[in-house]
Amino acid sequence: MSDYDPNNIFARILRKEIPCKKVFEDDHVLAFHDINPQAPIHVLVIPKGAYVSLDDFSARASDAEIAALMRAVATIARQLGIDDSGYRFLANNGANAHQEVPHLHIHLFGGRQLGPMLKR
C-alpha cells in the first residue's frame, strides 16, 4: 500500500533500531509490551510485513501471515495467564478510530476488569 511509512516506530522496532520489551516472536509476528500501558497487561502484536491497517493486511497478507497473527494473540494471552480471566484485543483502523501508527497493530489488554468497550 502506497501510504506505508517505512520510518514509523513499529517498522523501526522491527529493524531493531528501537528496542522493545519482547513478549513473543515468530516468522510473521512480533509482540512487545506497550510503553504507555492502559491496563496491567498491555501488549502490542504486529505483523512483520509492511501493512498499514487491517484493510491493507486482509487484502495483501498471505494466509500464513493472517493465521499467525490471530494465533499469536491467543498464544500470548495464554502465556501471560489472562486467558481464563479474560482479555480484550483491539485494532484501531484509520483516522476515526484514532490509529496513531500507520502499521497494523493489535492491542492486547488484560489483568483487570476492563469495563465497557466504548465510552457512552
PDB file of N, CA and C in Angstrom:
ATOM      1  N   MET A   1       0.853  -1.183   0.000  1.00  0.00           N
ATOM      2  CA  MET A   1       0.000   0.000   0.000  1.00  0.00           C
ATOM      3  C   MET A   1       0.896   1.242   0.000  1.00  0.00           C
ATOM      4  N   SER A   2       0.542   2.210  -0.760  1.00  0.00           N
ATOM      5  CA  SER A   2       1.419   3.344  -1.012  1.00  0.00           C
ATOM      6  C   SER A   2       1.624   4.257   0.193  1.00  0.00           C
ATOM      7  N   ASP A   3       0.735   4.263   1.172  1.00  0.00           N
ATOM      8  CA  ASP A   3       0.903   5.180   2.291  1.00  0.00           C
ATOM      9  C   ASP A   3       1.611   4.548   3.493  1.00  0.00           C
ATOM     10  N   TYR A   4       2.270   3.407   3.286  1.00  0.00           N
ATOM     11  CA  TYR A   4       3.053   2.823   4.368  1.00  0.00           C
ATOM     12  C   TYR A   4       4.316   3.654   4.566  1.00  0.00           C
ATOM     13  N   ASP A   5       4.559   4.050   5.812  1.00  0.00           N
ATOM     14  CA  ASP A   5       5.738   4.839   6.145  1.00  0.00           C
ATOM     15  C   ASP A   5       6.804   3.904   6.724  1.00  0.00           C
ATOM     16  N   PRO A   6       7.877   3.629   5.977  1.00  0.00           N
ATOM     17  CA  PRO A   6       8.898   2.697   6.467  1.00  0.00           C
ATOM     18  C   PRO A   6       9.679   3.225   7.669  1.00  0.00           C
ATOM     19  N   ASN A   7       9.434   4.464   8.053  1.00  0.00           N
ATOM     20  CA  ASN A   7      10.093   5.020   9.232  1.00  0.00           C
ATOM     21  C   ASN A   7       9.164   5.138  10.436  1.00  0.00           C
ATOM     22  N   ASN A   8       7.976   4.506  10.367  1.00  0.00           N
ATOM     23  CA  ASN A   8       7.101   4.532  11.534  1.00  0.00           C
ATOM     24  C   ASN A   8       7.773   3.749  12.667  1.00  0.00           C
ATOM     25  N   ILE A   9       7.338   4.010  13.887  1.00  0.00           N
ATOM     26  CA  ILE A   9       8.015   3.440  15.056  1.00  0.00           C
ATOM     27  C   ILE A   9       8.036   1.916  15.039  1.00  0.00           C
ATOM     28  N   PHE A  10       6.972   1.266  14.547  1.00  0.00           N
ATOM     29  CA  PHE A  10       6.955  -0.201  14.553  1.00  0.00           C
ATOM     30  C   PHE A  10       7.892  -0.766  13.498  1.00  0.00           C
ATOM     31  N   ALA A  11       8.004  -0.106  12.351  1.00  0.00           N
ATOM     32  CA  ALA A  11       8.982  -0.528  11.334  1.00  0.00           C
ATOM     33  C   ALA A  11      10.393  -0.416  11.912  1.00  0.00           C
ATOM     34  N   ARG A  12      10.635   0.630  12.664  1.00  0.00           N
ATOM     35  CA  ARG A  12      11.955   0.825  13.273  1.00  0.00           C
ATOM     36  C   ARG A  12      12.228  -0.211  14.366  1.00  0.00           C
ATOM     37  N   ILE A  13      11.195  -0.583  15.120  1.00  0.00           N
ATOM     38  CA  ILE A  13      11.342  -1.657  16.112  1.00  0.00           C
ATOM     39  C   ILE A  13      11.647  -2.970  15.407  1.00  0.00           C
ATOM     40  N   LEU A  14      10.940  -3.251  14.309  1.00  0.00           N
ATOM     41  CA  LEU A  14      11.192  -4.483  13.560  1.00  0.00           C
ATOM     42  C   LEU A  14      12.622  -4.539  13.024  1.00  0.00           C
ATOM     43  N   ARG A  15      13.174  -3.389  12.656  1.00  0.00           N
ATOM     44  CA  ARG A  15      14.557  -3.335  12.164  1.00  0.00           C
ATOM     45  C   ARG A  15      15.570  -3.270  13.314  1.00  0.00           C
ATOM     46  N   LYS A  16      15.077  -3.327  14.556  1.00  0.00           N
ATOM     47  CA  LYS A  16      15.911  -3.282  15.765  1.00  0.00           C
ATOM     48  C   LYS A  16      16.643  -1.953  15.928  1.00  0.00           C
ATOM     49  N   GLU A  17      16.114  -0.902  15.346  1.00  0.00           N
ATOM     50  CA  GLU A  17      16.667   0.443  15.539  1.00  0.00           C
ATOM     51  C   GLU A  17      16.202   1.026  16.870  1.00  0.00           C
ATOM     52  N   ILE A  18      15.052   0.552  17.334  1.00  0.00           N
ATOM     53  CA  ILE A  18      14.480   0.972  18.611  1.00  0.00           C
ATOM     54  C   ILE A  18      14.235  -0.302  19.415  1.00  0.00           C
ATOM     55  N   PRO A  19      14.662  -0.340  20.680  1.00  0.00           N
ATOM     56  CA  PRO A  19      14.451  -1.550  21.473  1.00  0.00           C
ATOM     57  C   PRO A  19      12.996  -1.705  21.901  1.00  0.00           C
ATOM     58  N   CYS A  20      12.649  -2.938  22.223  1.00  0.00           N
ATOM     59  CA  CYS A  20      11.312  -3.213  22.773  1.00  0.00           C
ATOM     60  C   CYS A  20      11.452  -4.306  23.825  1.00  0.00           C
ATOM     61  N   LYS A  21      10.438  -4.399  24.662  1.00  0.00           N
ATOM     62  CA  LYS A  21      10.394  -5.467  25.662  1.00  0.00           C
ATOM     63  C   LYS A  21       9.557  -6.596  25.065  1.00  0.00           C
ATOM     64  N   LYS A  22      10.255  -7.479  24.343  1.00  0.00           N
ATOM     65  CA  LYS A  22       9.599  -8.526  23.559  1.00  0.00           C
ATOM     66  C   LYS A  22       8.882  -9.542  24.433  1.00  0.00           C
ATOM     67  N   VAL A  23       7.701  -9.937  23.969  1.00  0.00           N
ATOM     68  CA  VAL A  23       6.886 -10.950  24.627  1.00  0.00           C
ATOM     69  C   VAL A  23       6.833 -12.218  23.779  1.00  0.00           C
ATOM     70  N   PHE A  24       6.830 -12.043  22.461  1.00  0.00           N
ATOM     71  CA  PHE A  24       6.625 -13.166  21.533  1.00  0.00           C
ATOM     72  C   PHE A  24       7.205 -12.783  20.177  1.00  0.00           C
ATOM     73  N   GLU A  25       7.748 -13.794  19.484  1.00  0.00           N
ATOM     74  CA  GLU A  25       8.186 -13.575  18.112  1.00  0.00           C
ATOM     75  C   GLU A  25       8.174 -14.900  17.370  1.00  0.00           C
ATOM     76  N   ASP A  26       7.713 -14.844  16.119  1.00  0.00           N
ATOM     77  CA  ASP A  26       7.839 -15.979  15.215  1.00  0.00           C
ATOM     78  C   ASP A  26       8.177 -15.427  13.829  1.00  0.00           C
ATOM     79  N   ASP A  27       8.030 -16.212  12.794  1.00  0.00           N
ATOM     80  CA  ASP A  27       8.405 -15.767  11.441  1.00  0.00           C
ATOM     81  C   ASP A  27       7.572 -14.589  10.946  1.00  0.00           C
ATOM     82  N   HIS A  28       6.333 -14.464  11.435  1.00  0.00           N
ATOM     83  CA  HIS A  28       5.399 -13.466  10.892  1.00  0.00           C
ATOM     84  C   HIS A  28       4.995 -12.372  11.864  1.00  0.00           C
ATOM     85  N   VAL A  29       5.256 -12.551  13.156  1.00  0.00           N
ATOM     86  CA  VAL A  29       4.687 -11.678  14.188  1.00  0.00           C
ATOM     87  C   VAL A  29       5.746 -11.297  15.222  1.00  0.00           C
ATOM     88  N   LEU A  30       5.637 -10.059  15.701  1.00  0.00           N
ATOM     89  CA  LEU A  30       6.409  -9.612  16.857  1.00  0.00           C
ATOM     90  C   LEU A  30       5.417  -9.009  17.849  1.00  0.00           C
ATOM     91  N   ALA A  31       5.588  -9.322  19.131  1.00  0.00           N
ATOM     92  CA  ALA A  31       4.736  -8.744  20.176  1.00  0.00           C
ATOM     93  C   ALA A  31       5.626  -8.230  21.297  1.00  0.00           C
ATOM     94  N   PHE A  32       5.223  -7.083  21.847  1.00  0.00           N
ATOM     95  CA  PHE A  32       6.023  -6.438  22.879  1.00  0.00           C
ATOM     96  C   PHE A  32       5.125  -5.597  23.781  1.00  0.00           C
ATOM     97  N   HIS A  33       5.624  -5.307  24.983  1.00  0.00           N
ATOM     98  CA  HIS A  33       4.872  -4.501  25.939  1.00  0.00           C
ATOM     99  C   HIS A  33       4.745  -3.063  25.426  1.00  0.00           C
ATOM    100  N   ASP A  34       3.562  -2.489  25.595  1.00  0.00           N
ATOM    101  CA  ASP A  34       3.326  -1.089  25.245  1.00  0.00           C
ATOM    102  C   ASP A  34       4.097  -0.203  26.216  1.00  0.00           C
ATOM    103  N   ILE A  35       4.708   0.873  25.713  1.00  0.00           N
ATOM    104  CA  ILE A  35       5.482   1.758  26.594  1.00  0.00           C
ATOM    105  C   ILE A  35       4.596   2.672  27.433  1.00  0.00           C
ATOM    106  N   ASN A  36       3.312   2.746  27.098  1.00  0.00           N
ATOM    107  CA  ASN A  36       2.358   3.554  27.866  1.00  0.00           C
ATOM    108  C   ASN A  36       1.133   2.687  28.159  1.00  0.00           C
ATOM    109  N   PRO A  37       1.283   1.692  29.034  1.00  0.00           N
ATOM    110  CA  PRO A  37       0.208   0.709  29.224  1.00  0.00           C
ATOM    111  C   PRO A  37      -1.089   1.305  29.765  1.00  0.00           C
ATOM    112  N   GLN A  38      -2.191   0.816  29.212  1.00  0.00           N
ATOM    113  CA  GLN A  38      -3.526   1.246  29.626  1.00  0.00           C
ATOM    114  C   GLN A  38      -4.210   0.215  30.521  1.00  0.00           C
ATOM    115  N   ALA A  39      -3.520  -0.873  30.815  1.00  0.00           N
ATOM    116  CA  ALA A  39      -4.014  -1.942  31.695  1.00  0.00           C
ATOM    117  C   ALA A  39      -2.770  -2.623  32.269  1.00  0.00           C
ATOM    118  N   PRO A  40      -2.944  -3.427  33.340  1.00  0.00           N
ATOM    119  CA  PRO A  40      -1.777  -4.119  33.902  1.00  0.00           C
ATOM    120  C   PRO A  40      -0.998  -4.921  32.853  1.00  0.00           C
ATOM    121  N   ILE A  41      -1.709  -5.521  31.924  1.00  0.00           N
ATOM    122  CA  ILE A  41      -1.081  -6.175  30.777  1.00  0.00           C
ATOM    123  C   ILE A  41      -1.552  -5.437  29.534  1.00  0.00           C
ATOM    124  N   HIS A  42      -0.600  -4.899  28.788  1.00  0.00           N
ATOM    125  CA  HIS A  42      -0.903  -4.188  27.538  1.00  0.00           C
ATOM    126  C   HIS A  42       0.234  -4.490  26.572  1.00  0.00           C
ATOM    127  N   VAL A  43      -0.061  -5.375  25.623  1.00  0.00           N
ATOM    128  CA  VAL A  43       0.930  -5.844  24.661  1.00  0.00           C
ATOM    129  C   VAL A  43       0.482  -5.417  23.268  1.00  0.00           C
ATOM    130  N   LEU A  44       1.438  -5.044  22.432  1.00  0.00           N
ATOM    131  CA  LEU A  44       1.177  -4.745  21.031  1.00  0.00           C
ATOM    132  C   LEU A  44       1.630  -5.938  20.201  1.00  0.00           C
ATOM    133  N   VAL A  45       0.755  -6.396  19.327  1.00  0.00           N
ATOM    134  CA  VAL A  45       1.029  -7.545  18.464  1.00  0.00           C
ATOM    135  C   VAL A  45       1.015  -7.033  17.034  1.00  0.00           C
ATOM    136  N   ILE A  46       2.148  -7.168  16.326  1.00  0.00           N
ATOM    137  CA  ILE A  46       2.252  -6.604  14.986  1.00  0.00           C
ATOM    138  C   ILE A  46       2.727  -7.649  13.978  1.00  0.00           C
ATOM    139  N   PRO A  47       2.206  -7.562  12.753  1.00  0.00           N
ATOM    140  CA  PRO A  47       2.776  -8.409  11.705  1.00  0.00           C
ATOM    141  C   PRO A  47       4.136  -7.852  11.307  1.00  0.00           C
ATOM    142  N   LYS A  48       5.016  -8.710  10.856  1.00  0.00           N
ATOM    143  CA  LYS A  48       6.344  -8.258  10.432  1.00  0.00           C
ATOM    144  C   LYS A  48       6.313  -7.606   9.053  1.00  0.00           C
ATOM    145  N   GLY A  49       5.264  -7.860   8.285  1.00  0.00           N
ATOM    146  CA  GLY A  49       5.141  -7.252   6.969  1.00  0.00           C
ATOM    147  C   GLY A  49       4.710  -5.800   7.052  1.00  0.00           C
ATOM    148  N   ALA A  50       4.900  -5.074   5.953  1.00  0.00           N
ATOM    149  CA  ALA A  50       4.588  -3.637   5.881  1.00  0.00           C
ATOM    150  C   ALA A  50       3.119  -3.424   5.539  1.00  0.00           C
ATOM    151  N   TYR A  51       2.260  -3.515   6.545  1.00  0.00           N
ATOM    152  CA  TYR A  51       0.820  -3.352   6.376  1.00  0.00           C
ATOM    153  C   TYR A  51       0.347  -2.162   7.197  1.00  0.00           C
ATOM    154  N   VAL A  52      -0.329  -1.230   6.561  1.00  0.00           N
ATOM    155  CA  VAL A  52      -0.784  -0.012   7.224  1.00  0.00           C
ATOM    156  C   VAL A  52      -1.909  -0.293   8.211  1.00  0.00           C
ATOM    157  N   SER A  53      -2.849  -1.139   7.820  1.00  0.00           N
ATOM    158  CA  SER A  53      -4.087  -1.296   8.579  1.00  0.00           C
ATOM    159  C   SER A  53      -4.634  -2.702   8.392  1.00  0.00           C
ATOM    160  N   LEU A  54      -5.721  -2.990   9.082  1.00  0.00           N
ATOM    161  CA  LEU A  54      -6.388  -4.273   8.901  1.00  0.00           C
ATOM    162  C   LEU A  54      -6.905  -4.414   7.472  1.00  0.00           C
ATOM    163  N   ASP A  55      -7.398  -3.329   6.894  1.00  0.00           N
ATOM    164  CA  ASP A  55      -7.850  -3.380   5.499  1.00  0.00           C
ATOM    165  C   ASP A  55      -6.715  -3.807   4.580  1.00  0.00           C
ATOM    166  N   ASP A  56      -5.576  -3.166   4.742  1.00  0.00           N
ATOM    167  CA  ASP A  56      -4.399  -3.469   3.940  1.00  0.00           C
ATOM    168  C   ASP A  56      -3.950  -4.909   4.175  1.00  0.00           C
ATOM    169  N   PHE A  57      -3.860  -5.304   5.428  1.00  0.00           N
ATOM    170  CA  PHE A  57      -3.424  -6.652   5.809  1.00  0.00           C
ATOM    171  C   PHE A  57      -4.355  -7.717   5.226  1.00  0.00           C
ATOM    172  N   SER A  58      -5.657  -7.514   5.379  1.00  0.00           N
ATOM    173  CA  SER A  58      -6.601  -8.530   4.893  1.00  0.00           C
ATOM    174  C   SER A  58      -6.585  -8.647   3.374  1.00  0.00           C
ATOM    175  N   ALA A  59      -6.239  -7.568   2.685  1.00  0.00           N
ATOM    176  CA  ALA A  59      -6.199  -7.589   1.222  1.00  0.00           C
ATOM    177  C   ALA A  59      -4.893  -8.180   0.686  1.00  0.00           C
ATOM    178  N   ARG A  60      -3.781  -7.983   1.391  1.00  0.00           N
ATOM    179  CA  ARG A  60      -2.486  -8.335   0.814  1.00  0.00           C
ATOM    180  C   ARG A  60      -1.700  -9.435   1.533  1.00  0.00           C
ATOM    181  N   ALA A  61      -1.998  -9.700   2.793  1.00  0.00           N
ATOM    182  CA  ALA A  61      -1.216 -10.686   3.543  1.00  0.00           C
ATOM    183  C   ALA A  61      -1.534 -12.102   3.073  1.00  0.00           C
ATOM    184  N   SER A  62      -0.557 -12.970   3.244  1.00  0.00           N
ATOM    185  CA  SER A  62      -0.759 -14.379   2.913  1.00  0.00           C
ATOM    186  C   SER A  62      -1.641 -15.034   3.983  1.00  0.00           C
ATOM    187  N   ASP A  63      -2.199 -16.181   3.633  1.00  0.00           N
ATOM    188  CA  ASP A  63      -2.987 -16.930   4.615  1.00  0.00           C
ATOM    189  C   ASP A  63      -2.143 -17.271   5.842  1.00  0.00           C
ATOM    190  N   ALA A  64      -0.873 -17.588   5.620  1.00  0.00           N
ATOM    191  CA  ALA A  64       0.015 -17.921   6.743  1.00  0.00           C
ATOM    192  C   ALA A  64       0.217 -16.727   7.671  1.00  0.00           C
ATOM    193  N   GLU A  65       0.361 -15.519   7.103  1.00  0.00           N
ATOM    194  CA  GLU A  65       0.533 -14.318   7.929  1.00  0.00           C
ATOM    195  C   GLU A  65      -0.723 -14.026   8.735  1.00  0.00           C
ATOM    196  N   ILE A  66      -1.886 -14.161   8.099  1.00  0.00           N
ATOM    197  CA  ILE A  66      -3.163 -13.896   8.786  1.00  0.00           C
ATOM    198  C   ILE A  66      -3.360 -14.885   9.925  1.00  0.00           C
ATOM    199  N   ALA A  67      -3.134 -16.158   9.648  1.00  0.00           N
ATOM    200  CA  ALA A  67      -3.288 -17.178  10.696  1.00  0.00           C
ATOM    201  C   ALA A  67      -2.295 -16.938  11.831  1.00  0.00           C
ATOM    202  N   ALA A  68      -1.059 -16.596  11.490  1.00  0.00           N
ATOM    203  CA  ALA A  68      -0.030 -16.390  12.513  1.00  0.00           C
ATOM    204  C   ALA A  68      -0.391 -15.243  13.443  1.00  0.00           C
ATOM    205  N   LEU A  69      -0.927 -14.158  12.893  1.00  0.00           N
ATOM    206  CA  LEU A  69      -1.290 -13.012  13.722  1.00  0.00           C
ATOM    207  C   LEU A  69      -2.393 -13.384  14.712  1.00  0.00           C
ATOM    208  N   MET A  70      -3.422 -14.052  14.238  1.00  0.00           N
ATOM    209  CA  MET A  70      -4.529 -14.421  15.136  1.00  0.00           C
ATOM    210  C   MET A  70      -4.082 -15.451  16.167  1.00  0.00           C
ATOM    211  N   ARG A  71      -3.300 -16.425  15.741  1.00  0.00           N
ATOM    212  CA  ARG A  71      -2.807 -17.426  16.691  1.00  0.00           C
ATOM    213  C   ARG A  71      -1.892 -16.788  17.739  1.00  0.00           C
ATOM    214  N   ALA A  72      -1.102 -15.815  17.323  1.00  0.00           N
ATOM    215  CA  ALA A  72      -0.192 -15.155  18.263  1.00  0.00           C
ATOM    216  C   ALA A  72      -0.961 -14.470  19.388  1.00  0.00           C
ATOM    217  N   VAL A  73      -2.058 -13.788  19.057  1.00  0.00           N
ATOM    218  CA  VAL A  73      -2.840 -13.098  20.092  1.00  0.00           C
ATOM    219  C   VAL A  73      -3.271 -14.081  21.177  1.00  0.00           C
ATOM    220  N   ALA A  74      -3.841 -15.213  20.773  1.00  0.00           N
ATOM    221  CA  ALA A  74      -4.311 -16.196  21.751  1.00  0.00           C
ATOM    222  C   ALA A  74      -3.147 -16.860  22.489  1.00  0.00           C
ATOM    223  N   THR A  75      -2.070 -17.145  21.802  1.00  0.00           N
ATOM    224  CA  THR A  75      -0.891 -17.741  22.435  1.00  0.00           C
ATOM    225  C   THR A  75      -0.322 -16.820  23.504  1.00  0.00           C
ATOM    226  N   ILE A  76      -0.227 -15.544  23.186  1.00  0.00           N
ATOM    227  CA  ILE A  76       0.302 -14.562  24.141  1.00  0.00           C
ATOM    228  C   ILE A  76      -0.621 -14.448  25.357  1.00  0.00           C
ATOM    229  N   ALA A  77      -1.920 -14.428  25.125  1.00  0.00           N
ATOM    230  CA  ALA A  77      -2.865 -14.369  26.247  1.00  0.00           C
ATOM    231  C   ALA A  77      -2.657 -15.559  27.179  1.00  0.00           C
ATOM    232  N   ARG A  78      -2.471 -16.736  26.613  1.00  0.00           N
ATOM    233  CA  ARG A  78      -2.207 -17.924  27.446  1.00  0.00           C
ATOM    234  C   ARG A  78      -0.875 -17.787  28.173  1.00  0.00           C
ATOM    235  N   GLN A  79       0.160 -17.348  27.471  1.00  0.00           N
ATOM    236  CA  GLN A  79       1.490 -17.209  28.088  1.00  0.00           C
ATOM    237  C   GLN A  79       1.474 -16.208  29.239  1.00  0.00           C
ATOM    238  N   LEU A  80       0.673 -15.163  29.116  1.00  0.00           N
ATOM    239  CA  LEU A  80       0.609 -14.127  30.153  1.00  0.00           C
ATOM    240  C   LEU A  80      -0.417 -14.446  31.243  1.00  0.00           C
ATOM    241  N   GLY A  81      -1.138 -15.558  31.087  1.00  0.00           N
ATOM    242  CA  GLY A  81      -2.068 -16.009  32.112  1.00  0.00           C
ATOM    243  C   GLY A  81      -3.373 -15.232  32.181  1.00  0.00           C
ATOM    244  N   ILE A  82      -3.773 -14.603  31.085  1.00  0.00           N
ATOM    245  CA  ILE A  82      -5.029 -13.845  31.092  1.00  0.00           C
ATOM    246  C   ILE A  82      -6.137 -14.539  30.313  1.00  0.00           C
ATOM    247  N   ASP A  83      -5.866 -15.737  29.836  1.00  0.00           N
ATOM    248  CA  ASP A  83      -6.874 -16.443  29.039  1.00  0.00           C
ATOM    249  C   ASP A  83      -8.083 -16.848  29.882  1.00  0.00           C
ATOM    250  N   ASP A  84      -7.885 -17.223  31.126  1.00  0.00           N
ATOM    251  CA  ASP A  84      -9.014 -17.630  31.973  1.00  0.00           C
ATOM    252  C   ASP A  84      -9.813 -16.446  32.494  1.00  0.00           C
ATOM    253  N   SER A  85      -9.137 -15.381  32.911  1.00  0.00           N
ATOM    254  CA  SER A  85      -9.839 -14.231  33.489  1.00  0.00           C
ATOM    255  C   SER A  85     -10.464 -13.331  32.429  1.00  0.00           C
ATOM    256  N   GLY A  86      -9.952 -13.406  31.224  1.00  0.00           N
ATOM    257  CA  GLY A  86     -10.488 -12.607  30.129  1.00  0.00           C
ATOM    258  C   GLY A  86      -9.539 -11.520  29.682  1.00  0.00           C
ATOM    259  N   TYR A  87      -9.652 -11.174  28.429  1.00  0.00           N
ATOM    260  CA  TYR A  87      -8.812 -10.141  27.842  1.00  0.00           C
ATOM    261  C   TYR A  87      -9.545  -9.504  26.674  1.00  0.00           C
ATOM    262  N   ARG A  88      -9.018  -8.388  26.232  1.00  0.00           N
ATOM    263  CA  ARG A  88      -9.579  -7.672  25.090  1.00  0.00           C
ATOM    264  C   ARG A  88      -8.477  -7.486  24.065  1.00  0.00           C
ATOM    265  N   PHE A  89      -8.809  -7.669  22.787  1.00  0.00           N
ATOM    266  CA  PHE A  89      -7.864  -7.273  21.756  1.00  0.00           C
ATOM    267  C   PHE A  89      -8.559  -6.298  20.831  1.00  0.00           C
ATOM    268  N   LEU A  90      -7.793  -5.278  20.424  1.00  0.00           N
ATOM    269  CA  LEU A  90      -8.360  -4.138  19.728  1.00  0.00           C
ATOM    270  C   LEU A  90      -7.378  -3.674  18.657  1.00  0.00           C
ATOM    271  N   ALA A  91      -7.905  -3.406  17.477  1.00  0.00           N
ATOM    272  CA  ALA A  91      -7.089  -2.816  16.411  1.00  0.00           C
ATOM    273  C   ALA A  91      -7.810  -1.567  15.919  1.00  0.00           C
ATOM    274  N   ASN A  92      -7.202  -0.421  16.131  1.00  0.00           N
ATOM    275  CA  ASN A  92      -7.750   0.826  15.609  1.00  0.00           C
ATOM    276  C   ASN A  92      -7.393   0.894  14.123  1.00  0.00           C
ATOM    277  N   ASN A  93      -8.365   1.290  13.314  1.00  0.00           N
ATOM    278  CA  ASN A  93      -8.182   1.277  11.860  1.00  0.00           C
ATOM    279  C   ASN A  93      -8.606   2.621  11.285  1.00  0.00           C
ATOM    280  N   GLY A  94      -7.642   3.465  10.962  1.00  0.00           N
ATOM    281  CA  GLY A  94      -7.942   4.743  10.331  1.00  0.00           C
ATOM    282  C   GLY A  94      -8.136   5.887  11.303  1.00  0.00           C
ATOM    283  N   ALA A  95      -8.353   7.060  10.725  1.00  0.00           N
ATOM    284  CA  ALA A  95      -8.415   8.314  11.485  1.00  0.00           C
ATOM    285  C   ALA A  95      -9.544   8.342  12.511  1.00  0.00           C
ATOM    286  N   ASN A  96     -10.745   7.939  12.145  1.00  0.00           N
ATOM    287  CA  ASN A  96     -11.868   7.999  13.079  1.00  0.00           C
ATOM    288  C   ASN A  96     -11.695   7.071  14.273  1.00  0.00           C
ATOM    289  N   ALA A  97     -10.883   6.041  14.121  1.00  0.00           N
ATOM    290  CA  ALA A  97     -10.612   5.112  15.219  1.00  0.00           C
ATOM    291  C   ALA A  97      -9.357   5.503  15.996  1.00  0.00           C
ATOM    292  N   HIS A  98      -8.739   6.619  15.613  1.00  0.00           N
ATOM    293  CA  HIS A  98      -7.527   7.121  16.271  1.00  0.00           C
ATOM    294  C   HIS A  98      -6.333   6.183  16.124  1.00  0.00           C
ATOM    295  N   GLN A  99      -6.192   5.581  14.936  1.00  0.00           N
ATOM    296  CA  GLN A  99      -4.980   4.797  14.673  1.00  0.00           C
ATOM    297  C   GLN A  99      -3.809   5.767  14.641  1.00  0.00           C
ATOM    298  N   GLU A 100      -2.861   5.580  15.563  1.00  0.00           N
ATOM    299  CA  GLU A 100      -1.764   6.532  15.712  1.00  0.00           C
ATOM    300  C   GLU A 100      -0.513   6.151  14.936  1.00  0.00           C
ATOM    301  N   VAL A 101      -0.312   4.865  14.699  1.00  0.00           N
ATOM    302  CA  VAL A 101       0.873   4.406  13.964  1.00  0.00           C
ATOM    303  C   VAL A 101       0.396   3.707  12.698  1.00  0.00           C
ATOM    304  N   PRO A 102       0.913   4.106  11.524  1.00  0.00           N
ATOM    305  CA  PRO A 102       0.450   3.525  10.263  1.00  0.00           C
ATOM    306  C   PRO A 102       1.078   2.158   9.968  1.00  0.00           C
ATOM    307  N   HIS A 103       1.003   1.274  10.944  1.00  0.00           N
ATOM    308  CA  HIS A 103       1.415  -0.128  10.803  1.00  0.00           C
ATOM    309  C   HIS A 103       0.384  -0.903  11.619  1.00  0.00           C
ATOM    310  N   LEU A 104      -0.263  -1.895  10.991  1.00  0.00           N
ATOM    311  CA  LEU A 104      -1.279  -2.668  11.706  1.00  0.00           C
ATOM    312  C   LEU A 104      -0.727  -3.137  13.046  1.00  0.00           C
ATOM    313  N   HIS A 105      -1.489  -2.907  14.095  1.00  0.00           N
ATOM    314  CA  HIS A 105      -1.113  -3.396  15.415  1.00  0.00           C
ATOM    315  C   HIS A 105      -2.365  -3.712  16.210  1.00  0.00           C
ATOM    316  N   ILE A 106      -2.274  -4.794  16.952  1.00  0.00           N
ATOM    317  CA  ILE A 106      -3.369  -5.224  17.815  1.00  0.00           C
ATOM    318  C   ILE A 106      -2.930  -4.986  19.254  1.00  0.00           C
ATOM    319  N   HIS A 107      -3.775  -4.282  19.993  1.00  0.00           N
ATOM    320  CA  HIS A 107      -3.548  -4.078  21.422  1.00  0.00           C
ATOM    321  C   HIS A 107      -4.168  -5.273  22.144  1.00  0.00           C
ATOM    322  N   LEU A 108      -3.434  -5.885  23.044  1.00  0.00           N
ATOM    323  CA  LEU A 108      -3.932  -6.970  23.880  1.00  0.00           C
ATOM    324  C   LEU A 108      -3.919  -6.454  25.318  1.00  0.00           C
ATOM    325  N   PHE A 109      -5.114  -6.364  25.915  1.00  0.00           N
ATOM    326  CA  PHE A 109      -5.276  -5.819  27.267  1.00  0.00           C
ATOM    327  C   PHE A 109      -5.756  -6.906  28.217  1.00  0.00           C
ATOM    328  N   GLY A 110      -5.287  -6.879  29.448  1.00  0.00           N
ATOM    329  CA  GLY A 110      -5.790  -7.812  30.452  1.00  0.00           C
ATOM    330  C   GLY A 110      -5.229  -7.477  31.811  1.00  0.00           C
ATOM    331  N   GLY A 111      -5.560  -8.346  32.774  1.00  0.00           N
ATOM    332  CA  GLY A 111      -5.028  -8.188  34.123  1.00  0.00           C
ATOM    333  C   GLY A 111      -5.920  -7.436  35.072  1.00  0.00           C
ATOM    334  N   ARG A 112      -7.066  -6.966  34.589  1.00  0.00           N
ATOM    335  CA  ARG A 112      -8.048  -6.300  35.458  1.00  0.00           C
ATOM    336  C   ARG A 112      -9.385  -6.241  34.723  1.00  0.00           C
ATOM    337  N   GLN A 113     -10.423  -5.854  35.440  1.00  0.00           N
ATOM    338  CA  GLN A 113     -11.739  -5.610  34.835  1.00  0.00           C
ATOM    339  C   GLN A 113     -11.587  -4.436  33.860  1.00  0.00           C
ATOM    340  N   LEU A 114     -11.943  -4.631  32.625  1.00  0.00           N
ATOM    341  CA  LEU A 114     -11.695  -3.617  31.597  1.00  0.00           C
ATOM    342  C   LEU A 114     -12.853  -2.659  31.359  1.00  0.00           C
ATOM    343  N   GLY A 115     -14.018  -2.966  31.887  1.00  0.00           N
ATOM    344  CA  GLY A 115     -15.150  -2.061  31.731  1.00  0.00           C
ATOM    345  C   GLY A 115     -15.772  -2.132  30.337  1.00  0.00           C
ATOM    346  N   PRO A 116     -16.699  -1.211  30.062  1.00  0.00           N
ATOM    347  CA  PRO A 116     -17.400  -1.253  28.776  1.00  0.00           C
ATOM    348  C   PRO A 116     -16.441  -0.996  27.616  1.00  0.00           C
ATOM    349  N   MET A 117     -16.821  -1.504  26.450  1.00  0.00           N
ATOM    350  CA  MET A 117     -15.950  -1.411  25.292  1.00  0.00           C
ATOM    351  C   MET A 117     -15.754   0.019  24.814  1.00  0.00           C
ATOM    352  N   LEU A 118     -16.809   0.799  24.780  1.00  0.00           N
ATOM    353  CA  LEU A 118     -16.738   2.183  24.302  1.00  0.00           C
ATOM    354  C   LEU A 118     -17.307   3.131  25.345  1.00  0.00           C
ATOM    355  N   LYS A 119     -16.760   4.334  25.368  1.00  0.00           N
ATOM    356  CA  LYS A 119     -17.332   5.379  26.229  1.00  0.00           C
ATOM    357  C   LYS A 119     -18.740   5.660  25.760  1.00  0.00           C
ATOM    358  N   ARG A 120     -19.631   5.824  26.691  1.00  0.00           N
ATOM    359  CA  ARG A 120     -21.033   6.110  26.314  1.00  0.00           C
ATOM    360  C   ARG A 120     -21.305   7.593  26.414  1.00  0.00           C
TER     361      ARG A 120
END
